[in-house]
Amino acid sequence: MITLPASLLTLGLFSFIVNAWTIMIADHFVTNISMGGFLNSLLAAIIIVIFHNLLKDRNKIC
């Protein structure tokens, strides 16, 4: 509910920012992982979304 206005204004692109923040929080708590900053976390979030959508489409075909 907090990020809903920003998501509506950016047509859903704000979800990448929220995912990047989540990755940065996980980076803080997991000792063996270092993302190196916000841009790397944002890139990781974009890659995760792409792979998620590819796997979701692949499961529909089978």
N, C-alpha and C. Protein backbone atom coordinates (compact mmCIF):
# COMPACT_ATOMS: atom_id res chain seq x y z
N MET A 1 0.82 -1.19 0.00
CA MET A 1 0.00 0.00 0.00
C MET A 1 0.86 1.26 0.00
N ILE A 2 2.07 1.17 0.57
CA ILE A 2 2.92 2.35 0.65
C ILE A 2 3.45 2.71 -0.74
N THR A 3 3.82 1.72 -1.53
CA THR A 3 4.42 1.99 -2.83
C THR A 3 3.40 2.03 -3.96
N LEU A 4 2.13 1.86 -3.66
CA LEU A 4 1.10 1.84 -4.71
C LEU A 4 1.05 3.13 -5.52
N PRO A 5 1.06 4.32 -4.91
CA PRO A 5 1.03 5.54 -5.73
C PRO A 5 2.23 5.65 -6.68
N ALA A 6 3.41 5.31 -6.20
CA ALA A 6 4.60 5.38 -7.05
C ALA A 6 4.52 4.34 -8.17
N SER A 7 3.98 3.17 -7.88
CA SER A 7 3.84 2.14 -8.92
C SER A 7 2.82 2.56 -9.98
N LEU A 8 1.77 3.20 -9.56
CA LEU A 8 0.78 3.67 -10.54
C LEU A 8 1.34 4.79 -11.40
N LEU A 9 2.09 5.69 -10.80
CA LEU A 9 2.68 6.80 -11.56
C LEU A 9 3.72 6.33 -12.57
N THR A 10 4.48 5.32 -12.22
CA THR A 10 5.55 4.84 -13.10
C THR A 10 5.13 3.62 -13.91
N LEU A 11 3.85 3.29 -13.88
CA LEU A 11 3.31 2.15 -14.63
C LEU A 11 3.99 0.83 -14.26
N GLY A 12 4.32 0.65 -13.01
CA GLY A 12 4.88 -0.61 -12.52
C GLY A 12 6.39 -0.66 -12.49
N LEU A 13 7.07 0.33 -13.03
CA LEU A 13 8.53 0.29 -13.06
C LEU A 13 9.14 0.51 -11.67
N PHE A 14 8.38 1.06 -10.75
CA PHE A 14 8.87 1.26 -9.39
C PHE A 14 9.12 -0.07 -8.70
N SER A 15 8.51 -1.14 -9.18
CA SER A 15 8.73 -2.45 -8.57
C SER A 15 10.18 -2.88 -8.70
N PHE A 16 10.87 -2.44 -9.77
CA PHE A 16 12.30 -2.74 -9.90
C PHE A 16 13.09 -2.08 -8.77
N ILE A 17 12.70 -0.87 -8.39
CA ILE A 17 13.37 -0.17 -7.30
C ILE A 17 13.14 -0.89 -5.98
N VAL A 18 11.92 -1.33 -5.75
CA VAL A 18 11.60 -2.06 -4.52
C VAL A 18 12.37 -3.38 -4.47
N ASN A 19 12.46 -4.08 -5.61
CA ASN A 19 13.23 -5.32 -5.66
C ASN A 19 14.71 -5.06 -5.42
N ALA A 20 15.24 -3.96 -5.95
CA ALA A 20 16.65 -3.62 -5.72
C ALA A 20 16.88 -3.34 -4.24
N TRP A 21 15.96 -2.63 -3.61
CA TRP A 21 16.09 -2.38 -2.16
C TRP A 21 16.07 -3.68 -1.38
N THR A 22 15.21 -4.61 -1.79
CA THR A 22 15.13 -5.91 -1.13
C THR A 22 16.44 -6.67 -1.28
N ILE A 23 17.03 -6.61 -2.46
CA ILE A 23 18.32 -7.28 -2.68
C ILE A 23 19.40 -6.63 -1.82
N MET A 24 19.37 -5.32 -1.69
CA MET A 24 20.36 -4.63 -0.85
C MET A 24 20.19 -4.99 0.63
N ILE A 25 18.96 -5.16 1.08
CA ILE A 25 18.71 -5.58 2.46
C ILE A 25 19.23 -7.00 2.67
N ALA A 26 18.97 -7.89 1.71
CA ALA A 26 19.48 -9.26 1.80
C ALA A 26 21.00 -9.26 1.79
N ASP A 27 21.61 -8.38 1.00
CA ASP A 27 23.06 -8.26 0.94
C ASP A 27 23.63 -7.86 2.30
N HIS A 28 22.90 -7.05 3.02
CA HIS A 28 23.35 -6.62 4.34
C HIS A 28 23.37 -7.77 5.35
N PHE A 29 22.40 -8.68 5.24
CA PHE A 29 22.27 -9.75 6.23
C PHE A 29 23.05 -11.01 5.87
N VAL A 30 23.32 -11.25 4.59
CA VAL A 30 24.06 -12.44 4.17
C VAL A 30 25.53 -12.07 4.07
N THR A 31 26.38 -12.82 4.76
CA THR A 31 27.78 -12.41 4.89
C THR A 31 28.62 -12.68 3.65
N ASN A 32 28.35 -13.69 2.87
CA ASN A 32 29.22 -14.05 1.75
C ASN A 32 28.83 -13.40 0.43
N ILE A 33 27.87 -12.48 0.43
CA ILE A 33 27.42 -11.83 -0.79
C ILE A 33 27.70 -10.34 -0.70
N SER A 34 28.24 -9.77 -1.79
CA SER A 34 28.44 -8.33 -1.86
C SER A 34 27.97 -7.85 -3.22
N MET A 35 26.90 -7.08 -3.25
CA MET A 35 26.35 -6.60 -4.51
C MET A 35 27.11 -5.38 -5.03
N GLY A 36 27.69 -4.57 -4.16
CA GLY A 36 28.49 -3.46 -4.60
C GLY A 36 27.74 -2.16 -4.83
N GLY A 37 26.49 -2.08 -4.49
CA GLY A 37 25.78 -0.82 -4.61
C GLY A 37 24.39 -0.98 -5.21
N PHE A 38 23.74 0.19 -5.36
CA PHE A 38 22.36 0.19 -5.81
C PHE A 38 22.23 -0.21 -7.27
N LEU A 39 23.11 0.28 -8.13
CA LEU A 39 22.99 -0.05 -9.56
C LEU A 39 23.17 -1.54 -9.83
N ASN A 40 24.08 -2.17 -9.12
CA ASN A 40 24.24 -3.62 -9.27
C ASN A 40 23.01 -4.36 -8.76
N SER A 41 22.42 -3.88 -7.68
CA SER A 41 21.20 -4.49 -7.17
C SER A 41 20.05 -4.30 -8.14
N LEU A 42 19.98 -3.13 -8.78
CA LEU A 42 18.94 -2.88 -9.77
C LEU A 42 19.12 -3.78 -10.98
N LEU A 43 20.34 -3.95 -11.43
CA LEU A 43 20.61 -4.86 -12.55
C LEU A 43 20.24 -6.29 -12.18
N ALA A 44 20.56 -6.71 -10.96
CA ALA A 44 20.19 -8.06 -10.51
C ALA A 44 18.67 -8.22 -10.47
N ALA A 45 17.96 -7.19 -10.04
CA ALA A 45 16.49 -7.25 -10.00
C ALA A 45 15.91 -7.39 -11.40
N ILE A 46 16.48 -6.67 -12.36
CA ILE A 46 16.01 -6.76 -13.75
C ILE A 46 16.27 -8.15 -14.31
N ILE A 47 17.44 -8.71 -14.03
CA ILE A 47 17.78 -10.05 -14.51
C ILE A 47 16.86 -11.10 -13.89
N ILE A 48 16.57 -10.96 -12.61
CA ILE A 48 15.67 -11.90 -11.93
C ILE A 48 14.28 -11.85 -12.55
N VAL A 49 13.78 -10.66 -12.86
CA VAL A 49 12.45 -10.54 -13.47
C VAL A 49 12.44 -11.17 -14.86
N ILE A 50 13.50 -10.96 -15.63
CA ILE A 50 13.58 -11.55 -16.97
C ILE A 50 13.56 -13.07 -16.90
N PHE A 51 14.40 -13.64 -16.02
CA PHE A 51 14.43 -15.10 -15.90
C PHE A 51 13.11 -15.65 -15.36
N HIS A 52 12.50 -14.93 -14.44
CA HIS A 52 11.21 -15.37 -13.90
C HIS A 52 10.16 -15.43 -15.01
N ASN A 53 10.14 -14.40 -15.85
CA ASN A 53 9.16 -14.39 -16.93
C ASN A 53 9.46 -15.45 -17.99
N LEU A 54 10.73 -15.71 -18.26
CA LEU A 54 11.08 -16.76 -19.21
C LEU A 54 10.67 -18.13 -18.70
N LEU A 55 10.91 -18.39 -17.42
CA LEU A 55 10.54 -19.68 -16.86
C LEU A 55 9.03 -19.83 -16.75
N LYS A 56 8.34 -18.74 -16.47
CA LYS A 56 6.89 -18.79 -16.38
C LYS A 56 6.28 -19.11 -17.75
N ASP A 57 6.82 -18.49 -18.82
CA ASP A 57 6.34 -18.77 -20.17
C ASP A 57 6.68 -20.19 -20.60
N ARG A 58 7.83 -20.70 -20.17
CA ARG A 58 8.24 -22.04 -20.53
C ARG A 58 7.33 -23.08 -19.89
N ASN A 59 6.87 -22.83 -18.66
CA ASN A 59 5.97 -23.76 -17.99
C ASN A 59 4.59 -23.77 -18.61
N LYS A 60 4.17 -22.68 -19.23
CA LYS A 60 2.86 -22.64 -19.89
C LYS A 60 2.84 -23.50 -21.15
N ILE A 61 3.98 -23.59 -21.83
CA ILE A 61 4.06 -24.34 -23.09
C ILE A 61 3.96 -25.85 -22.82
N CYS A 62 4.59 -26.31 -21.78
CA CYS A 62 4.63 -27.75 -21.50
C CYS A 62 3.35 -28.29 -20.99
